């Protein structure tokens, strides 16, 4: 994906952090031999679709590092979805609304 202009800094930082952590998790925990990343922008939303071919079984409810990623994404007003069946790899779908960050007062 090539953007025509820079995205708001908080969106760029969030996307970078989530992607970096997803790649690290795939290598360190999932024992994945491959990761597919797709980024696209439509209707003011940056969408990151990240899939690995690792062992699966990632579960944010069990206190994994995915909770921190989810919190970071949700702080932007975005959504974070995880699918990770045992033996089938992990699929993360992140949607980040591309708009200026609102201050706490407004």
PDB file of N, CA and C in Angstrom:
ATOM      1  N   UNK A   1       0.847  -1.167   0.000  1.00  0.00           N
ATOM      2  CA  UNK A   1       0.000   0.000   0.000  1.00  0.00           C
ATOM      3  C   UNK A   1       0.892   1.228   0.000  1.00  0.00           C
ATOM      4  N   UNK A   2       0.555   2.181  -0.801  1.00  0.00           N
ATOM      5  CA  UNK A   2       1.279   3.444  -0.830  1.00  0.00           C
ATOM      6  C   UNK A   2       0.254   4.566  -0.586  1.00  0.00           C
ATOM      7  N   UNK A   3       0.464   5.302   0.485  1.00  0.00           N
ATOM      8  CA  UNK A   3      -0.445   6.403   0.832  1.00  0.00           C
ATOM      9  C   UNK A   3      -0.062   7.645   0.026  1.00  0.00           C
ATOM     10  N   UNK A   4      -1.039   8.441  -0.311  1.00  0.00           N
ATOM     11  CA  UNK A   4      -0.788   9.688  -1.038  1.00  0.00           C
ATOM     12  C   UNK A   4      -0.200  10.753  -0.134  1.00  0.00           C
ATOM     13  N   UNK A   5      -0.477  10.645   1.146  1.00  0.00           N
ATOM     14  CA  UNK A   5       0.031  11.608   2.134  1.00  0.00           C
ATOM     15  C   UNK A   5       0.282  10.845   3.432  1.00  0.00           C
ATOM     16  N   UNK A   6       0.997  11.465   4.318  1.00  0.00           N
ATOM     17  CA  UNK A   6       1.246  10.855   5.624  1.00  0.00           C
ATOM     18  C   UNK A   6      -0.069  10.714   6.375  1.00  0.00           C
ATOM     19  N   UNK A   7      -0.171   9.662   7.120  1.00  0.00           N
ATOM     20  CA  UNK A   7      -1.331   9.459   7.983  1.00  0.00           C
ATOM     21  C   UNK A   7      -1.088  10.214   9.283  1.00  0.00           C
ATOM     22  N   UNK A   8      -2.143  10.465  10.069  1.00  0.00           N
ATOM     23  CA  UNK A   8      -1.924  11.093  11.376  1.00  0.00           C
ATOM     24  C   UNK A   8      -0.908  10.274  12.176  1.00  0.00           C
ATOM     25  N   UNK A   9      -0.054  10.968  12.915  1.00  0.00           N
ATOM     26  CA  UNK A   9       1.047  10.307  13.616  1.00  0.00           C
ATOM     27  C   UNK A   9       0.574   9.167  14.517  1.00  0.00           C
ATOM     28  N   UNK A  10      -0.518   9.364  15.250  1.00  0.00           N
ATOM     29  CA  UNK A  10      -0.972   8.307  16.157  1.00  0.00           C
ATOM     30  C   UNK A  10      -1.409   7.051  15.398  1.00  0.00           C
ATOM     31  N   UNK A  11      -1.882   7.199  14.174  1.00  0.00           N
ATOM     32  CA  UNK A  11      -2.259   6.041  13.361  1.00  0.00           C
ATOM     33  C   UNK A  11      -1.008   5.338  12.839  1.00  0.00           C
ATOM     34  N   UNK A  12      -0.040   6.110  12.359  1.00  0.00           N
ATOM     35  CA  UNK A  12       1.217   5.520  11.892  1.00  0.00           C
ATOM     36  C   UNK A  12       1.917   4.759  13.021  1.00  0.00           C
ATOM     37  N   UNK A  13       1.970   5.370  14.196  1.00  0.00           N
ATOM     38  CA  UNK A  13       2.640   4.738  15.342  1.00  0.00           C
ATOM     39  C   UNK A  13       1.902   3.465  15.748  1.00  0.00           C
ATOM     40  N   UNK A  14       0.593   3.523  15.803  1.00  0.00           N
ATOM     41  CA  UNK A  14      -0.194   2.344  16.188  1.00  0.00           C
ATOM     42  C   UNK A  14      -0.014   1.227  15.173  1.00  0.00           C
ATOM     43  N   UNK A  15      -0.104   1.549  13.890  1.00  0.00           N
ATOM     44  CA  UNK A  15       0.061   0.530  12.845  1.00  0.00           C
ATOM     45  C   UNK A  15       1.450  -0.100  12.918  1.00  0.00           C
ATOM     46  N   UNK A  16       2.480   0.718  13.095  1.00  0.00           N
ATOM     47  CA  UNK A  16       3.851   0.209  13.202  1.00  0.00           C
ATOM     48  C   UNK A  16       3.994  -0.715  14.416  1.00  0.00           C
ATOM     49  N   UNK A  17       3.484  -0.279  15.552  1.00  0.00           N
ATOM     50  CA  UNK A  17       3.611  -1.065  16.783  1.00  0.00           C
ATOM     51  C   UNK A  17       2.887  -2.407  16.653  1.00  0.00           C
ATOM     52  N   UNK A  18       1.667  -2.382  16.141  1.00  0.00           N
ATOM     53  CA  UNK A  18       0.888  -3.614  16.009  1.00  0.00           C
ATOM     54  C   UNK A  18       1.572  -4.581  15.044  1.00  0.00           C
ATOM     55  N   UNK A  19       2.022  -4.065  13.915  1.00  0.00           N
ATOM     56  CA  UNK A  19       2.675  -4.928  12.942  1.00  0.00           C
ATOM     57  C   UNK A  19       3.985  -5.493  13.499  1.00  0.00           C
ATOM     58  N   UNK A  20       4.774  -4.663  14.159  1.00  0.00           N
ATOM     59  CA  UNK A  20       6.031  -5.130  14.756  1.00  0.00           C
ATOM     60  C   UNK A  20       5.786  -6.238  15.772  1.00  0.00           C
ATOM     61  N   UNK A  21       4.806  -6.034  16.629  1.00  0.00           N
ATOM     62  CA  UNK A  21       4.499  -7.043  17.651  1.00  0.00           C
ATOM     63  C   UNK A  21       3.937  -8.316  17.028  1.00  0.00           C
ATOM     64  N   UNK A  22       3.105  -8.171  16.008  1.00  0.00           N
ATOM     65  CA  UNK A  22       2.547  -9.349  15.340  1.00  0.00           C
ATOM     66  C   UNK A  22       3.658 -10.180  14.705  1.00  0.00           C
ATOM     67  N   UNK A  23       4.626  -9.522  14.072  1.00  0.00           N
ATOM     68  CA  UNK A  23       5.745 -10.249  13.469  1.00  0.00           C
ATOM     69  C   UNK A  23       6.609 -10.918  14.535  1.00  0.00           C
ATOM     70  N   UNK A  24       6.860 -10.205  15.625  1.00  0.00           N
ATOM     71  CA  UNK A  24       7.651 -10.781  16.716  1.00  0.00           C
ATOM     72  C   UNK A  24       6.929 -11.986  17.325  1.00  0.00           C
ATOM     73  N   UNK A  25       5.628 -11.865  17.540  1.00  0.00           N
ATOM     74  CA  UNK A  25       4.847 -12.974  18.106  1.00  0.00           C
ATOM     75  C   UNK A  25       4.845 -14.182  17.182  1.00  0.00           C
ATOM     76  N   UNK A  26       4.727 -13.925  15.872  1.00  0.00           N
ATOM     77  CA  UNK A  26       4.715 -15.029  14.905  1.00  0.00           C
ATOM     78  C   UNK A  26       6.028 -15.798  14.951  1.00  0.00           C
ATOM     79  N   UNK A  27       7.135 -15.070  15.078  1.00  0.00           N
ATOM     80  CA  UNK A  27       8.449 -15.719  15.117  1.00  0.00           C
ATOM     81  C   UNK A  27       8.723 -16.378  16.467  1.00  0.00           C
ATOM     82  N   UNK A  28       8.400 -15.681  17.534  1.00  0.00           N
ATOM     83  CA  UNK A  28       8.786 -16.136  18.871  1.00  0.00           C
ATOM     84  C   UNK A  28       7.835 -17.183  19.467  1.00  0.00           C
ATOM     85  N   UNK A  29       6.549 -16.946  19.338  1.00  0.00           N
ATOM     86  CA  UNK A  29       5.567 -17.798  20.018  1.00  0.00           C
ATOM     87  C   UNK A  29       4.861 -18.779  19.080  1.00  0.00           C
ATOM     88  N   UNK A  30       4.528 -18.316  17.875  1.00  0.00           N
ATOM     89  CA  UNK A  30       3.735 -19.146  16.969  1.00  0.00           C
ATOM     90  C   UNK A  30       4.580 -20.127  16.172  1.00  0.00           C
ATOM     91  N   UNK A  31       5.904 -19.912  16.183  1.00  0.00           N
ATOM     92  CA  UNK A  31       6.796 -20.770  15.399  1.00  0.00           C
ATOM     93  C   UNK A  31       6.392 -20.780  13.929  1.00  0.00           C
ATOM     94  N   UNK A  32       5.943 -19.628  13.440  1.00  0.00           N
ATOM     95  CA  UNK A  32       5.492 -19.506  12.056  1.00  0.00           C
ATOM     96  C   UNK A  32       6.676 -19.476  11.099  1.00  0.00           C
ATOM     97  N   UNK A  33       6.486 -20.066   9.933  1.00  0.00           N
ATOM     98  CA  UNK A  33       7.502 -19.985   8.880  1.00  0.00           C
ATOM     99  C   UNK A  33       7.142 -18.917   7.860  1.00  0.00           C
ATOM    100  N   UNK A  34       5.943 -18.361   7.981  1.00  0.00           N
ATOM    101  CA  UNK A  34       5.523 -17.322   7.051  1.00  0.00           C
ATOM    102  C   UNK A  34       4.445 -16.437   7.651  1.00  0.00           C
ATOM    103  N   UNK A  35       4.462 -15.178   7.225  1.00  0.00           N
ATOM    104  CA  UNK A  35       3.449 -14.209   7.647  1.00  0.00           C
ATOM    105  C   UNK A  35       3.027 -13.431   6.406  1.00  0.00           C
ATOM    106  N   UNK A  36       1.743 -13.262   6.234  1.00  0.00           N
ATOM    107  CA  UNK A  36       1.202 -12.474   5.129  1.00  0.00           C
ATOM    108  C   UNK A  36       0.576 -11.215   5.722  1.00  0.00           C
ATOM    109  N   UNK A  37       0.992 -10.058   5.208  1.00  0.00           N
ATOM    110  CA  UNK A  37       0.468  -8.772   5.685  1.00  0.00           C
ATOM    111  C   UNK A  37      -0.157  -8.042   4.516  1.00  0.00           C
ATOM    112  N   UNK A  38      -1.353  -7.552   4.731  1.00  0.00           N
ATOM    113  CA  UNK A  38      -2.024  -6.735   3.714  1.00  0.00           C
ATOM    114  C   UNK A  38      -2.521  -5.472   4.397  1.00  0.00           C
ATOM    115  N   UNK A  39      -2.233  -4.340   3.789  1.00  0.00           N
ATOM    116  CA  UNK A  39      -2.721  -3.051   4.296  1.00  0.00           C
ATOM    117  C   UNK A  39      -3.497  -2.381   3.178  1.00  0.00           C
ATOM    118  N   UNK A  40      -4.651  -1.839   3.524  1.00  0.00           N
ATOM    119  CA  UNK A  40      -5.397  -1.059   2.540  1.00  0.00           C
ATOM    120  C   UNK A  40      -6.167   0.034   3.251  1.00  0.00           C
ATOM    121  N   UNK A  41      -6.589   0.993   2.467  1.00  0.00           N
ATOM    122  CA  UNK A  41      -7.309   2.140   3.010  1.00  0.00           C
ATOM    123  C   UNK A  41      -8.596   2.308   2.210  1.00  0.00           C
ATOM    124  N   UNK A  42      -9.708   2.398   2.913  1.00  0.00           N
ATOM    125  CA  UNK A  42     -10.997   2.619   2.275  1.00  0.00           C
ATOM    126  C   UNK A  42     -11.900   3.347   3.251  1.00  0.00           C
ATOM    127  N   UNK A  43     -12.610   4.311   2.742  1.00  0.00           N
ATOM    128  CA  UNK A  43     -13.599   5.050   3.535  1.00  0.00           C
ATOM    129  C   UNK A  43     -13.020   5.581   4.843  1.00  0.00           C
ATOM    130  N   UNK A  44     -11.790   6.078   4.796  1.00  0.00           N
ATOM    131  CA  UNK A  44     -11.189   6.674   5.983  1.00  0.00           C
ATOM    132  C   UNK A  44     -10.740   5.689   7.037  1.00  0.00           C
ATOM    133  N   UNK A  45     -10.545   4.441   6.661  1.00  0.00           N
ATOM    134  CA  UNK A  45     -10.111   3.414   7.612  1.00  0.00           C
ATOM    135  C   UNK A  45      -8.882   2.707   7.046  1.00  0.00           C
ATOM    136  N   UNK A  46      -7.809   2.648   7.858  1.00  0.00           N
ATOM    137  CA  UNK A  46      -6.640   1.853   7.526  1.00  0.00           C
ATOM    138  C   UNK A  46      -6.893   0.449   8.064  1.00  0.00           C
ATOM    139  N   UNK A  47      -6.803  -0.511   7.179  1.00  0.00           N
ATOM    140  CA  UNK A  47      -7.077  -1.901   7.555  1.00  0.00           C
ATOM    141  C   UNK A  47      -5.802  -2.714   7.413  1.00  0.00           C
ATOM    142  N   UNK A  48      -5.415  -3.390   8.487  1.00  0.00           N
ATOM    143  CA  UNK A  48      -4.264  -4.286   8.487  1.00  0.00           C
ATOM    144  C   UNK A  48      -4.774  -5.710   8.672  1.00  0.00           C
ATOM    145  N   UNK A  49      -4.427  -6.570   7.734  1.00  0.00           N
ATOM    146  CA  UNK A  49      -4.820  -7.967   7.766  1.00  0.00           C
ATOM    147  C   UNK A  49      -3.527  -8.770   7.864  1.00  0.00           C
ATOM    148  N   UNK A  50      -3.288  -9.392   9.020  1.00  0.00           N
ATOM    149  CA  UNK A  50      -2.024 -10.075   9.297  1.00  0.00           C
ATOM    150  C   UNK A  50      -2.329 -11.538   9.611  1.00  0.00           C
ATOM    151  N   UNK A  51      -1.717 -12.444   8.826  1.00  0.00           N
ATOM    152  CA  UNK A  51      -1.951 -13.882   9.007  1.00  0.00           C
ATOM    153  C   UNK A  51      -0.616 -14.607   9.076  1.00  0.00           C
ATOM    154  N   UNK A  52      -0.506 -15.533  10.028  1.00  0.00           N
ATOM    155  CA  UNK A  52       0.694 -16.371  10.058  1.00  0.00           C
ATOM    156  C   UNK A  52       0.284 -17.837   9.938  1.00  0.00           C
ATOM    157  N   UNK A  53       1.265 -18.670   9.652  1.00  0.00           N
ATOM    158  CA  UNK A  53       0.999 -20.105   9.504  1.00  0.00           C
ATOM    159  C   UNK A  53       1.546 -20.895  10.695  1.00  0.00           C
ATOM    160  N   UNK A  54       1.541 -20.259  11.851  1.00  0.00           N
ATOM    161  CA  UNK A  54       2.085 -20.877  13.058  1.00  0.00           C
ATOM    162  C   UNK A  54       1.137 -21.853  13.725  1.00  0.00           C
ATOM    163  N   UNK A  55       1.426 -22.116  14.983  1.00  0.00           N
ATOM    164  CA  UNK A  55       0.709 -23.149  15.736  1.00  0.00           C
ATOM    165  C   UNK A  55      -0.697 -22.736  16.171  1.00  0.00           C
ATOM    166  N   UNK A  56      -1.009 -21.437  16.117  1.00  0.00           N
ATOM    167  CA  UNK A  56      -2.326 -20.979  16.534  1.00  0.00           C
ATOM    168  C   UNK A  56      -2.503 -21.046  18.045  1.00  0.00           C
ATOM    169  N   UNK A  57      -3.714 -20.826  18.487  1.00  0.00           N
ATOM    170  CA  UNK A  57      -4.026 -20.902  19.906  1.00  0.00           C
ATOM    171  C   UNK A  57      -3.832 -19.605  20.677  1.00  0.00           C
ATOM    172  N   UNK A  58      -3.540 -18.508  19.981  1.00  0.00           N
ATOM    173  CA  UNK A  58      -3.398 -17.223  20.669  1.00  0.00           C
ATOM    174  C   UNK A  58      -4.767 -16.803  21.201  1.00  0.00           C
ATOM    175  N   UNK A  59      -4.810 -16.399  22.464  1.00  0.00           N
ATOM    176  CA  UNK A  59      -6.081 -16.045  23.094  1.00  0.00           C
ATOM    177  C   UNK A  59      -5.889 -14.837  23.999  1.00  0.00           C
ATOM    178  N   UNK A  60      -6.403 -13.661  23.594  1.00  0.00           N
ATOM    179  CA  UNK A  60      -6.251 -12.473  24.430  1.00  0.00           C
ATOM    180  C   UNK A  60      -6.856 -12.634  25.817  1.00  0.00           C
ATOM    181  N   UNK A  61      -7.864 -13.472  25.957  1.00  0.00           N
ATOM    182  CA  UNK A  61      -8.522 -13.672  27.255  1.00  0.00           C
ATOM    183  C   UNK A  61      -7.610 -14.352  28.267  1.00  0.00           C
ATOM    184  N   UNK A  62      -6.541 -15.005  27.804  1.00  0.00           N
ATOM    185  CA  UNK A  62      -5.622 -15.689  28.719  1.00  0.00           C
ATOM    186  C   UNK A  62      -4.482 -14.791  29.169  1.00  0.00           C
ATOM    187  N   UNK A  63      -4.594 -13.483  28.939  1.00  0.00           N
ATOM    188  CA  UNK A  63      -3.587 -12.561  29.440  1.00  0.00           C
ATOM    189  C   UNK A  63      -2.362 -12.446  28.566  1.00  0.00           C
ATOM    190  N   UNK A  64      -2.490 -12.786  27.303  1.00  0.00           N
ATOM    191  CA  UNK A  64      -1.347 -12.706  26.399  1.00  0.00           C
ATOM    192  C   UNK A  64      -1.050 -11.251  26.048  1.00  0.00           C
ATOM    193  N   UNK A  65       0.051 -11.040  25.359  1.00  0.00           N
ATOM    194  CA  UNK A  65       0.434  -9.709  24.916  1.00  0.00           C
ATOM    195  C   UNK A  65      -0.546  -9.098  23.936  1.00  0.00           C
ATOM    196  N   UNK A  66      -1.483  -9.890  23.441  1.00  0.00           N
ATOM    197  CA  UNK A  66      -2.478  -9.358  22.515  1.00  0.00           C
ATOM    198  C   UNK A  66      -3.390  -8.333  23.188  1.00  0.00           C
ATOM    199  N   UNK A  67      -3.517  -8.407  24.502  1.00  0.00           N
ATOM    200  CA  UNK A  67      -4.362  -7.444  25.216  1.00  0.00           C
ATOM    201  C   UNK A  67      -3.809  -6.032  25.038  1.00  0.00           C
ATOM    202  N   UNK A  68      -2.495  -5.878  25.153  1.00  0.00           N
ATOM    203  CA  UNK A  68      -1.876  -4.563  24.965  1.00  0.00           C
ATOM    204  C   UNK A  68      -2.077  -4.034  23.565  1.00  0.00           C
ATOM    205  N   UNK A  69      -2.002  -4.910  22.568  1.00  0.00           N
ATOM    206  CA  UNK A  69      -2.244  -4.483  21.193  1.00  0.00           C
ATOM    207  C   UNK A  69      -3.696  -4.036  21.020  1.00  0.00           C
ATOM    208  N   UNK A  70      -4.604  -4.817  21.564  1.00  0.00           N
ATOM    209  CA  UNK A  70      -6.030  -4.487  21.475  1.00  0.00           C
ATOM    210  C   UNK A  70      -6.300  -3.132  22.126  1.00  0.00           C
ATOM    211  N   UNK A  71      -5.733  -2.912  23.303  1.00  0.00           N
ATOM    212  CA  UNK A  71      -5.923  -1.640  24.004  1.00  0.00           C
ATOM    213  C   UNK A  71      -5.397  -0.473  23.181  1.00  0.00           C
ATOM    214  N   UNK A  72      -4.230  -0.648  22.568  1.00  0.00           N
ATOM    215  CA  UNK A  72      -3.626   0.414  21.766  1.00  0.00           C
ATOM    216  C   UNK A  72      -4.509   0.750  20.566  1.00  0.00           C
ATOM    217  N   UNK A  73      -5.024  -0.287  19.902  1.00  0.00           N
ATOM    218  CA  UNK A  73      -5.895  -0.078  18.743  1.00  0.00           C
ATOM    219  C   UNK A  73      -7.196   0.599  19.162  1.00  0.00           C
ATOM    220  N   UNK A  74      -7.797   0.116  20.236  1.00  0.00           N
ATOM    221  CA  UNK A  74      -9.068   0.683  20.682  1.00  0.00           C
ATOM    222  C   UNK A  74      -8.920   2.126  21.156  1.00  0.00           C
ATOM    223  N   UNK A  75      -7.739   2.508  21.620  1.00  0.00           N
ATOM    224  CA  UNK A  75      -7.504   3.897  22.033  1.00  0.00           C
ATOM    225  C   UNK A  75      -7.613   4.864  20.850  1.00  0.00           C
ATOM    226  N   UNK A  76      -7.450   4.360  19.632  1.00  0.00           N
ATOM    227  CA  UNK A  76      -7.590   5.201  18.438  1.00  0.00           C
ATOM    228  C   UNK A  76      -9.034   5.210  17.929  1.00  0.00           C
ATOM    229  N   UNK A  77      -9.902   4.422  18.568  1.00  0.00           N
ATOM    230  CA  UNK A  77     -11.270   4.259  18.083  1.00  0.00           C
ATOM    231  C   UNK A  77     -11.378   3.099  17.112  1.00  0.00           C
ATOM    232  N   UNK A  78     -10.305   2.316  17.001  1.00  0.00           N
ATOM    233  CA  UNK A  78     -10.263   1.210  16.059  1.00  0.00           C
ATOM    234  C   UNK A  78     -10.768  -0.093  16.648  1.00  0.00           C
ATOM    235  N   UNK A  79     -10.712  -1.124  15.808  1.00  0.00           N
ATOM    236  CA  UNK A  79     -11.140  -2.453  16.224  1.00  0.00           C
ATOM    237  C   UNK A  79     -10.001  -3.443  16.020  1.00  0.00           C
ATOM    238  N   UNK A  80      -9.980  -4.474  16.845  1.00  0.00           N
ATOM    239  CA  UNK A  80      -8.928  -5.489  16.848  1.00  0.00           C
ATOM    240  C   UNK A  80      -9.597  -6.846  16.980  1.00  0.00           C
ATOM    241  N   UNK A  81      -9.441  -7.684  15.973  1.00  0.00           N
ATOM    242  CA  UNK A  81     -10.066  -9.000  15.974  1.00  0.00           C
ATOM    243  C   UNK A  81      -8.987 -10.068  15.836  1.00  0.00           C
ATOM    244  N   UNK A  82      -9.112 -11.134  16.624  1.00  0.00           N
ATOM    245  CA  UNK A  82      -8.162 -12.242  16.594  1.00  0.00           C
ATOM    246  C   UNK A  82      -8.913 -13.534  16.294  1.00  0.00           C
ATOM    247  N   UNK A  83      -8.397 -14.303  15.332  1.00  0.00           N
ATOM    248  CA  UNK A  83      -8.850 -15.673  15.098  1.00  0.00           C
ATOM    249  C   UNK A  83      -7.609 -16.535  15.160  1.00  0.00           C
ATOM    250  N   UNK A  84      -7.615 -17.548  16.012  1.00  0.00           N
ATOM    251  CA  UNK A  84      -6.396 -18.338  16.198  1.00  0.00           C
ATOM    252  C   UNK A  84      -6.724 -19.734  16.710  1.00  0.00           C
ATOM    253  N   UNK A  85      -7.208 -20.563  15.816  1.00  0.00           N
ATOM    254  CA  UNK A  85      -7.492 -21.950  16.196  1.00  0.00           C
ATOM    255  C   UNK A  85      -6.189 -22.739  16.269  1.00  0.00           C
ATOM    256  N   UNK A  86      -6.119 -23.645  17.205  1.00  0.00           N
ATOM    257  CA  UNK A  86      -4.923 -24.494  17.342  1.00  0.00           C
ATOM    258  C   UNK A  86      -4.628 -25.198  16.018  1.00  0.00           C
ATOM    259  N   UNK A  87      -3.386 -25.102  15.601  1.00  0.00           N
ATOM    260  CA  UNK A  87      -2.943 -25.759  14.382  1.00  0.00           C
ATOM    261  C   UNK A  87      -3.252 -25.014  13.097  1.00  0.00           C
ATOM    262  N   UNK A  88      -3.907 -23.859  13.188  1.00  0.00           N
ATOM    263  CA  UNK A  88      -4.329 -23.142  11.986  1.00  0.00           C
ATOM    264  C   UNK A  88      -3.754 -21.740  11.882  1.00  0.00           C
ATOM    265  N   UNK A  89      -2.752 -21.412  12.667  1.00  0.00           N
ATOM    266  CA  UNK A  89      -2.159 -20.082  12.589  1.00  0.00           C
ATOM    267  C   UNK A  89      -3.007 -19.031  13.284  1.00  0.00           C
ATOM    268  N   UNK A  90      -2.575 -17.794  13.147  1.00  0.00           N
ATOM    269  CA  UNK A  90      -3.263 -16.667  13.779  1.00  0.00           C
ATOM    270  C   UNK A  90      -3.580 -15.619  12.730  1.00  0.00           C
ATOM    271  N   UNK A  91      -4.778 -15.071  12.814  1.00  0.00           N
ATOM    272  CA  UNK A  91      -5.239 -14.018  11.910  1.00  0.00           C
ATOM    273  C   UNK A  91      -5.624 -12.815  12.758  1.00  0.00           C
ATOM    274  N   UNK A  92      -4.964 -11.689  12.518  1.00  0.00           N
ATOM    275  CA  UNK A  92      -5.315 -10.434  13.168  1.00  0.00           C
ATOM    276  C   UNK A  92      -5.923  -9.514  12.129  1.00  0.00           C
ATOM    277  N   UNK A  93      -7.025  -8.894  12.457  1.00  0.00           N
ATOM    278  CA  UNK A  93      -7.645  -7.891  11.605  1.00  0.00           C
ATOM    279  C   UNK A  93      -7.774  -6.618  12.423  1.00  0.00           C
ATOM    280  N   UNK A  94      -7.077  -5.578  11.983  1.00  0.00           N
ATOM    281  CA  UNK A  94      -7.049  -4.311  12.697  1.00  0.00           C
ATOM    282  C   UNK A  94      -7.619  -3.240  11.779  1.00  0.00           C
ATOM    283  N   UNK A  95      -8.553  -2.460  12.292  1.00  0.00           N
ATOM    284  CA  UNK A  95      -9.108  -1.345  11.533  1.00  0.00           C
ATOM    285  C   UNK A  95      -8.917  -0.077  12.354  1.00  0.00           C
ATOM    286  N   UNK A  96      -8.215   0.885  11.753  1.00  0.00           N
ATOM    287  CA  UNK A  96      -7.893   2.144  12.422  1.00  0.00           C
ATOM    288  C   UNK A  96      -8.537   3.300  11.673  1.00  0.00           C
ATOM    289  N   UNK A  97      -9.427   4.052  12.346  1.00  0.00           N
ATOM    290  CA  UNK A  97     -10.035   5.203  11.672  1.00  0.00           C
ATOM    291  C   UNK A  97      -8.972   6.302  11.490  1.00  0.00           C
ATOM    292  N   UNK A  98      -8.861   6.787  10.268  1.00  0.00           N
ATOM    293  CA  UNK A  98      -7.843   7.797   9.955  1.00  0.00           C
ATOM    294  C   UNK A  98      -8.491   9.172  10.095  1.00  0.00           C
ATOM    295  N   UNK A  99      -8.320   9.702  11.289  1.00  0.00           N
ATOM    296  CA  UNK A  99      -8.828  11.049  11.595  1.00  0.00           C
ATOM    297  C   UNK A  99      -7.948  11.620  12.697  1.00  0.00           C
ATOM    298  N   UNK A 100      -7.963  12.912  12.860  1.00  0.00           N
ATOM    299  CA  UNK A 100      -7.143  13.501  13.931  1.00  0.00           C
ATOM    300  C   UNK A 100      -7.560  12.980  15.287  1.00  0.00           C
ATOM    301  N   UNK A 101      -6.576  12.847  16.177  1.00  0.00           N
ATOM    302  CA  UNK A 101      -6.833  12.386  17.532  1.00  0.00           C
ATOM    303  C   UNK A 101      -7.615  13.457  18.289  1.00  0.00           C
ATOM    304  N   UNK A 102      -8.698  13.053  18.941  1.00  0.00           N
ATOM    305  CA  UNK A 102      -9.523  13.989  19.714  1.00  0.00           C
ATOM    306  C   UNK A 102      -8.901  14.174  21.093  1.00  0.00           C
ATOM    307  N   UNK A 103      -8.944  15.380  21.582  1.00  0.00           N
ATOM    308  CA  UNK A 103      -8.443  15.627  22.944  1.00  0.00           C
ATOM    309  C   UNK A 103      -9.466  15.099  23.939  1.00  0.00           C
ATOM    310  N   UNK A 104      -9.023  14.897  25.169  1.00  0.00           N
ATOM    311  CA  UNK A 104      -9.904  14.371  26.215  1.00  0.00           C
ATOM    312  C   UNK A 104     -11.068  15.316  26.491  1.00  0.00           C
ATOM    313  N   UNK A 105     -10.896  16.599  26.224  1.00  0.00           N
ATOM    314  CA  UNK A 105     -11.963  17.557  26.511  1.00  0.00           C
ATOM    315  C   UNK A 105     -12.913  17.740  25.346  1.00  0.00           C
ATOM    316  N   UNK A 106     -12.591  17.139  24.182  1.00  0.00           N
ATOM    317  CA  UNK A 106     -13.477  17.471  23.136  1.00  0.00           C
ATOM    318  C   UNK A 106     -13.740  16.582  22.084  1.00  0.00           C
TER     319      UNK A 106
END
